[in-house]
Amino acid sequence: MANADSSVVAAVDVVGENDGSPTSKPVISPPKGHWSSGGAGVTGWQLNPGSGGFSRTEPGAINTDPNEYKYELQCHLGGGDFDTPCLARQLECKDGPDGEEGIPVTWLSRPRGVPGAVWAHHSGPTCLFDARPEDLLPRIAADIQREFQSLPVNAGTVVAQPSPHTLRGAETNFYAEAAEQQFDVTMFGQQVHIVATPFQYTWNYGDGTVFGPQPSMGGPLPQDRWGEKTRTSHAYGATGDFQVVLTTTFQGTYSVNAGPPLPIPGQGQFSAPPQTISVWRSLTRNYADDCNANPEGQGCPGAAR
């Protein structure tokens, strides 16, 4: 019979010991892949504080973790018994990182060196594809940048003042509305939480002018100040319709299995849908009348139309 300190078991064939009757105890098949004896051992594992994953304790190494850990099969009831309804819905652990099959496990923990301490659920169920789970952490670190750039991050929206029409030669104030976003993904059977935070912005004003990347997302102006030059404003030299595109650069952090956040080494750039701005021309005329002296003079507000 298998127990917490024996070799792990990877598959269960529910057949009879002699005649295949469904009431017989299941036959436990040996694990596949690079497993080692004592994989579920009490003293052989420690929690990696930087990731939330587990690694083997090297012989003679000093373990500062106040807890000790072991894993059990997801549906194991102890001894050679399994929870049959659980087996019908347990995790599928196929196609591991190296093509091997894994096992669905739950992790247990208890205080180290405390007499009478009982094992309690720590995390899981999750798939264990390697007898040395710490090997998964470099794999996640190596792939996290690609995963980050493939996320459906919202780059934000473009706001223009005035909009949708502005005047040639006048300063049009542009600013971005972008926010922090969070995502939960699964990588190599581990739960990874990613936080994407905007920190740089690039403006393509559609007339060949590009500004950025730079840290300012701009901001709104009260209507009586429209036309003022701002950090992110732009003055068009020609009339027409222009497609303004905002590209937001995000930096991110990730945490594995609810561990502490770790920085994603690269960045992700995401573009917002283009916004059309129509640039009109303005006409200037000179009039001889003084509107203060003659409010109804040509060009004055009180002039007959």
Protein backbone atom coordinates (compact mmCIF):
# COMPACT_ATOMS: atom_id res chain seq x y z
CA MET A 1 0.00 0.00 0.00
CA ALA A 2 1.05 3.56 -0.67
CA ASN A 3 1.40 6.07 2.13
CA ALA A 4 2.57 9.65 2.53
CA ASP A 5 6.24 8.65 2.71
CA SER A 6 6.34 6.07 -0.06
CA SER A 7 6.75 6.45 -3.80
CA VAL A 8 4.11 8.55 -5.48
CA VAL A 9 1.41 6.96 -7.56
CA ALA A 10 0.48 8.36 -10.92
CA ALA A 11 -2.48 6.43 -12.26
CA VAL A 12 -5.35 4.32 -11.00
CA ASP A 13 -6.98 1.48 -12.91
CA VAL A 14 -10.24 0.55 -11.19
CA VAL A 15 -10.31 -3.18 -11.91
CA GLY A 16 -10.61 -6.22 -9.68
CA GLU A 17 -7.59 -7.92 -8.20
CA ASN A 18 -8.63 -11.22 -9.80
CA ASP A 19 -11.90 -10.99 -11.67
CA GLY A 20 -12.31 -7.28 -12.57
CA SER A 21 -15.28 -6.78 -10.26
CA PRO A 22 -15.99 -3.09 -9.46
CA THR A 23 -15.97 -3.79 -5.72
CA SER A 24 -12.32 -4.80 -5.67
CA LYS A 25 -9.62 -2.38 -4.59
CA PRO A 26 -8.00 -0.35 -7.38
CA VAL A 27 -4.67 -1.35 -8.82
CA ILE A 28 -2.14 1.46 -8.46
CA SER A 29 0.12 1.87 -11.50
CA PRO A 30 3.69 3.17 -11.12
CA PRO A 31 4.38 6.79 -12.08
CA LYS A 32 5.81 7.83 -15.43
CA GLY A 33 8.59 10.28 -16.07
CA HIS A 34 11.49 11.28 -13.83
CA TRP A 35 9.99 10.48 -10.43
CA SER A 36 11.97 9.41 -7.42
CA SER A 37 11.14 7.38 -4.34
CA GLY A 38 9.85 9.27 -1.37
CA GLY A 39 8.44 12.07 -3.51
CA ALA A 40 5.72 12.67 -0.98
CA GLY A 41 8.11 12.52 1.92
CA VAL A 42 7.51 14.66 4.97
CA THR A 43 10.93 16.25 5.25
CA GLY A 44 11.96 16.57 1.62
CA TRP A 45 10.19 19.77 0.58
CA GLN A 46 10.33 23.49 1.32
CA LEU A 47 8.28 26.46 0.15
CA ASN A 48 9.99 28.93 -2.19
CA PRO A 49 9.03 32.36 -0.78
CA GLY A 50 9.72 34.10 -4.08
CA SER A 51 7.21 32.08 -6.04
CA GLY A 52 4.91 30.11 -3.79
CA GLY A 53 6.15 26.85 -5.36
CA PHE A 54 7.97 23.97 -3.71
CA SER A 55 11.47 22.56 -4.00
CA ARG A 56 13.38 19.68 -2.52
CA THR A 57 15.58 20.33 0.48
CA GLU A 58 19.16 19.42 -0.33
CA PRO A 59 20.78 17.00 2.15
CA GLY A 60 22.45 18.94 4.95
CA ALA A 61 20.89 22.26 3.90
CA ILE A 62 19.50 24.59 6.55
CA ASN A 63 15.76 25.05 6.10
CA THR A 64 14.43 28.29 7.60
CA ASP A 65 10.81 27.63 6.60
CA PRO A 66 8.77 27.17 9.82
CA ASN A 67 6.56 24.61 8.06
CA GLU A 68 7.13 21.25 6.43
CA TYR A 69 5.22 20.03 3.39
CA LYS A 70 4.09 16.92 1.60
CA TYR A 71 1.81 16.21 -1.32
CA GLU A 72 -0.94 13.65 -1.68
CA LEU A 73 -2.86 12.46 -4.69
CA GLN A 74 -5.95 14.58 -5.21
CA CYS A 75 -8.40 11.73 -4.64
CA HIS A 76 -6.37 9.60 -2.23
CA LEU A 77 -8.24 8.53 0.91
CA GLY A 78 -5.26 6.81 2.50
CA GLY A 79 -3.79 3.38 2.12
CA GLY A 80 -4.93 1.93 -1.19
CA ASP A 81 -8.35 3.60 -1.16
CA PHE A 82 -9.52 6.36 -3.49
CA ASP A 83 -12.60 8.55 -3.62
CA THR A 84 -14.39 7.24 -6.73
CA PRO A 85 -16.60 10.34 -7.32
CA CYS A 86 -13.46 12.49 -7.01
CA LEU A 87 -11.65 10.40 -9.61
CA ALA A 88 -14.37 11.25 -12.12
CA ARG A 89 -13.66 14.97 -11.81
CA GLN A 90 -9.98 15.12 -10.89
CA LEU A 91 -7.54 17.30 -12.80
CA GLU A 92 -6.23 16.16 -16.17
CA CYS A 93 -2.43 16.18 -16.01
CA LYS A 94 -1.32 15.41 -19.52
CA ASP A 95 1.19 16.98 -21.89
CA GLY A 96 3.64 18.28 -19.30
CA PRO A 97 6.48 20.68 -20.21
CA ASP A 98 8.61 17.77 -21.44
CA GLY A 99 5.70 15.75 -22.82
CA GLU A 100 5.38 13.59 -19.72
CA GLU A 101 2.26 12.80 -17.76
CA GLY A 102 1.85 14.33 -14.32
CA ILE A 103 -0.27 13.63 -11.30
CA PRO A 104 -3.02 15.71 -9.66
CA VAL A 105 -1.94 16.51 -6.11
CA THR A 106 -2.86 18.63 -3.12
CA TRP A 107 -0.18 20.13 -0.86
CA LEU A 108 -0.35 19.77 2.91
CA SER A 109 1.61 21.62 5.57
CA ARG A 110 2.16 21.57 9.32
CA PRO A 111 4.42 23.48 11.74
CA ARG A 112 7.91 22.05 11.79
CA GLY A 113 9.06 20.49 15.06
CA VAL A 114 5.75 20.97 16.90
CA PRO A 115 4.72 17.77 18.74
CA GLY A 116 1.27 16.62 17.77
CA ALA A 117 0.93 19.08 14.86
CA VAL A 118 -1.56 17.90 12.27
CA TRP A 119 -1.39 18.17 8.52
CA ALA A 120 -3.70 20.76 6.94
CA HIS A 121 -4.50 21.67 3.36
CA HIS A 122 -2.05 24.24 2.02
CA SER A 123 -2.83 24.56 -1.72
CA GLY A 124 -4.14 22.72 -4.74
CA PRO A 125 -5.29 20.61 -6.34
CA THR A 126 -2.67 21.23 -8.99
CA CYS A 127 -0.67 19.14 -11.45
CA LEU A 128 2.80 17.99 -10.53
CA PHE A 129 4.83 17.20 -13.65
CA ASP A 130 8.26 17.01 -12.10
CA ALA A 131 9.61 15.49 -8.92
CA ARG A 132 11.56 18.75 -8.56
CA PRO A 133 8.88 21.46 -8.92
CA GLU A 134 11.47 24.23 -8.51
CA ASP A 135 12.44 23.48 -12.13
CA LEU A 136 9.10 25.02 -13.15
CA LEU A 137 10.02 28.44 -11.77
CA PRO A 138 12.78 29.18 -14.30
CA ARG A 139 10.46 27.96 -17.03
CA ILE A 140 7.78 30.40 -15.93
CA ALA A 141 10.35 33.21 -15.64
CA ALA A 142 11.64 32.48 -19.14
CA ASP A 143 8.16 32.51 -20.65
CA ILE A 144 6.49 35.25 -18.62
CA GLN A 145 7.45 38.07 -21.02
CA ARG A 146 5.84 36.31 -23.99
CA GLU A 147 2.76 35.59 -21.89
CA PHE A 148 2.61 39.23 -20.79
CA GLN A 149 2.73 40.57 -24.34
CA SER A 150 -0.02 38.19 -25.45
CA LEU A 151 -2.52 39.35 -22.81
CA PRO A 152 -5.61 41.32 -23.92
CA VAL A 153 -4.39 44.49 -22.20
CA ASN A 154 -6.55 47.56 -22.84
CA ALA A 155 -4.23 50.38 -23.94
CA GLY A 156 -6.78 53.00 -22.90
CA THR A 157 -8.75 55.61 -24.82
CA VAL A 158 -7.81 58.89 -26.51
CA VAL A 159 -9.62 62.10 -25.56
CA ALA A 160 -9.24 65.29 -27.64
CA GLN A 161 -10.21 68.87 -26.74
CA PRO A 162 -11.93 70.13 -28.80
CA SER A 163 -13.38 67.07 -30.51
CA PRO A 164 -14.30 65.80 -33.03
CA HIS A 165 -13.41 69.07 -34.80
CA THR A 166 -10.47 71.35 -34.22
CA LEU A 167 -8.83 74.27 -36.02
CA ARG A 168 -5.72 74.35 -38.14
CA GLY A 169 -2.85 76.02 -36.31
CA ALA A 170 -4.55 75.81 -32.91
CA GLU A 171 -3.33 73.63 -30.06
CA THR A 172 -5.52 70.55 -29.66
CA ASN A 173 -5.19 68.98 -26.23
CA PHE A 174 -4.90 65.18 -26.22
CA TYR A 175 -4.83 63.00 -23.14
CA ALA A 176 -5.12 59.30 -22.34
CA GLU A 177 -7.39 57.40 -20.01
CA ALA A 178 -5.56 54.17 -19.05
CA ALA A 179 -5.67 52.03 -15.93
CA GLU A 180 -3.94 49.16 -14.14
CA GLN A 181 -5.26 45.71 -15.12
CA GLN A 182 -5.00 42.24 -13.58
CA PHE A 183 -5.04 38.81 -15.19
CA ASP A 184 -4.98 35.20 -13.97
CA VAL A 185 -3.36 32.63 -16.25
CA THR A 186 -2.11 29.06 -15.95
CA MET A 187 1.50 28.34 -16.86
CA PHE A 188 2.97 24.84 -16.62
CA GLY A 189 0.08 23.84 -14.37
CA GLN A 190 0.74 26.70 -11.93
CA GLN A 191 -1.61 29.62 -11.20
CA VAL A 192 0.04 32.90 -12.19
CA HIS A 193 -1.39 36.32 -11.32
CA ILE A 194 -0.21 39.20 -13.54
CA VAL A 195 -0.63 42.93 -12.87
CA ALA A 196 -0.09 45.33 -15.80
CA THR A 197 0.53 49.01 -14.97
CA PRO A 198 0.75 51.79 -17.60
CA PHE A 199 3.84 53.98 -17.32
CA GLN A 200 4.70 55.40 -20.77
CA TYR A 201 2.69 56.80 -23.66
CA THR A 202 3.40 57.40 -27.36
CA TRP A 203 1.20 59.68 -29.45
CA ASN A 204 0.94 59.34 -33.23
CA TYR A 205 -1.06 62.38 -34.31
CA GLY A 206 -1.72 61.03 -37.80
CA ASP A 207 0.08 63.77 -39.73
CA GLY A 208 3.54 62.22 -39.46
CA THR A 209 4.20 63.63 -35.99
CA VAL A 210 5.02 61.15 -33.19
CA PHE A 211 5.58 62.16 -29.56
CA GLY A 212 7.02 59.69 -27.07
CA PRO A 213 7.43 57.30 -25.46
CA GLN A 214 7.22 59.62 -22.46
CA PRO A 215 5.65 59.38 -18.99
CA SER A 216 2.83 61.92 -19.34
CA MET A 217 -0.68 60.71 -20.13
CA GLY A 218 -1.85 64.33 -20.26
CA GLY A 219 -5.00 65.61 -18.66
CA PRO A 220 -8.21 67.56 -19.37
CA LEU A 221 -8.45 71.35 -19.64
CA PRO A 222 -11.51 73.43 -18.74
CA GLN A 223 -13.29 74.62 -21.85
CA ASP A 224 -12.28 78.26 -21.37
CA ARG A 225 -8.64 77.17 -21.69
CA TRP A 226 -8.98 75.11 -24.87
CA GLY A 227 -6.31 76.13 -27.33
CA GLU A 228 -3.54 76.34 -24.71
CA LYS A 229 -0.35 74.37 -25.32
CA THR A 230 0.04 71.35 -23.05
CA ARG A 231 2.56 68.54 -22.66
CA THR A 232 0.59 66.30 -25.03
CA SER A 233 -1.15 68.88 -27.27
CA HIS A 234 -0.56 69.18 -31.01
CA ALA A 235 -1.16 71.89 -33.62
CA TYR A 236 -2.05 70.68 -37.12
CA GLY A 237 -0.61 72.56 -40.07
CA ALA A 238 -3.13 71.29 -42.62
CA THR A 239 -6.84 70.59 -42.80
CA GLY A 240 -8.38 67.13 -43.16
CA ASP A 241 -9.19 64.03 -41.16
CA PHE A 242 -6.38 62.48 -39.13
CA GLN A 243 -6.19 59.16 -37.25
CA VAL A 244 -4.73 59.64 -33.78
CA VAL A 245 -3.26 56.48 -32.22
CA LEU A 246 -2.16 56.08 -28.61
CA THR A 247 0.35 53.34 -27.76
CA THR A 248 0.67 52.61 -24.04
CA THR A 249 3.69 50.84 -22.56
CA PHE A 250 2.93 48.66 -19.56
CA GLN A 251 5.27 47.20 -16.98
CA GLY A 252 4.16 44.18 -15.01
CA THR A 253 4.57 41.93 -12.03
CA TYR A 254 3.66 38.26 -11.62
CA SER A 255 3.12 35.96 -8.68
CA VAL A 256 3.04 32.16 -8.75
CA ASN A 257 0.51 30.30 -6.63
CA ALA A 258 -0.32 33.39 -4.54
CA GLY A 259 3.36 34.09 -3.83
CA PRO A 260 4.85 37.58 -3.62
CA PRO A 261 4.91 39.75 -6.78
CA LEU A 262 8.00 39.48 -8.96
CA PRO A 263 8.93 41.99 -11.70
CA ILE A 264 8.45 41.01 -15.32
CA PRO A 265 11.81 41.87 -16.90
CA GLY A 266 10.49 43.30 -20.17
CA GLN A 267 7.64 45.58 -21.17
CA GLY A 268 4.45 45.27 -23.17
CA GLN A 269 3.24 47.79 -25.73
CA PHE A 270 -0.44 47.97 -26.63
CA SER A 271 -2.22 50.35 -29.03
CA ALA A 272 -5.67 51.88 -28.57
CA PRO A 273 -8.15 52.05 -31.46
CA PRO A 274 -7.48 55.15 -33.61
CA GLN A 275 -9.61 58.23 -33.07
CA THR A 276 -10.50 60.50 -35.99
CA ILE A 277 -9.96 64.22 -35.55
CA SER A 278 -11.21 66.63 -38.24
CA VAL A 279 -9.11 69.75 -38.70
CA TRP A 280 -10.88 72.78 -40.13
CA ARG A 281 -9.51 76.11 -41.26
CA SER A 282 -10.46 79.39 -39.60
CA LEU A 283 -11.20 82.70 -41.38
CA THR A 284 -10.01 86.06 -40.06
CA ARG A 285 -11.52 89.35 -41.31
CA ASN A 286 -10.71 92.93 -40.32
CA TYR A 287 -13.50 95.48 -39.75
CA ALA A 288 -13.28 99.21 -39.32
CA ASP A 289 -16.12 99.56 -36.81
CA ASP A 290 -15.49 99.79 -33.08
CA CYS A 291 -17.99 97.40 -31.52
CA ASN A 292 -17.93 99.37 -28.27
CA ALA A 293 -18.92 102.55 -30.08
CA ASN A 294 -21.16 100.87 -32.62
CA PRO A 295 -22.44 97.46 -31.36
CA GLU A 296 -24.35 96.97 -34.61
CA GLY A 297 -21.34 97.59 -36.82
CA GLN A 298 -20.17 94.97 -39.32
CA GLY A 299 -18.53 92.05 -37.58
CA CYS A 300 -19.93 92.99 -34.18
CA PRO A 301 -22.22 90.68 -32.15
CA GLY A 302 -25.16 93.02 -32.57
CA ALA A 303 -24.78 93.40 -36.33
CA ALA A 304 -27.77 92.54 -38.51
CA ARG A 305 -27.38 89.11 -40.16
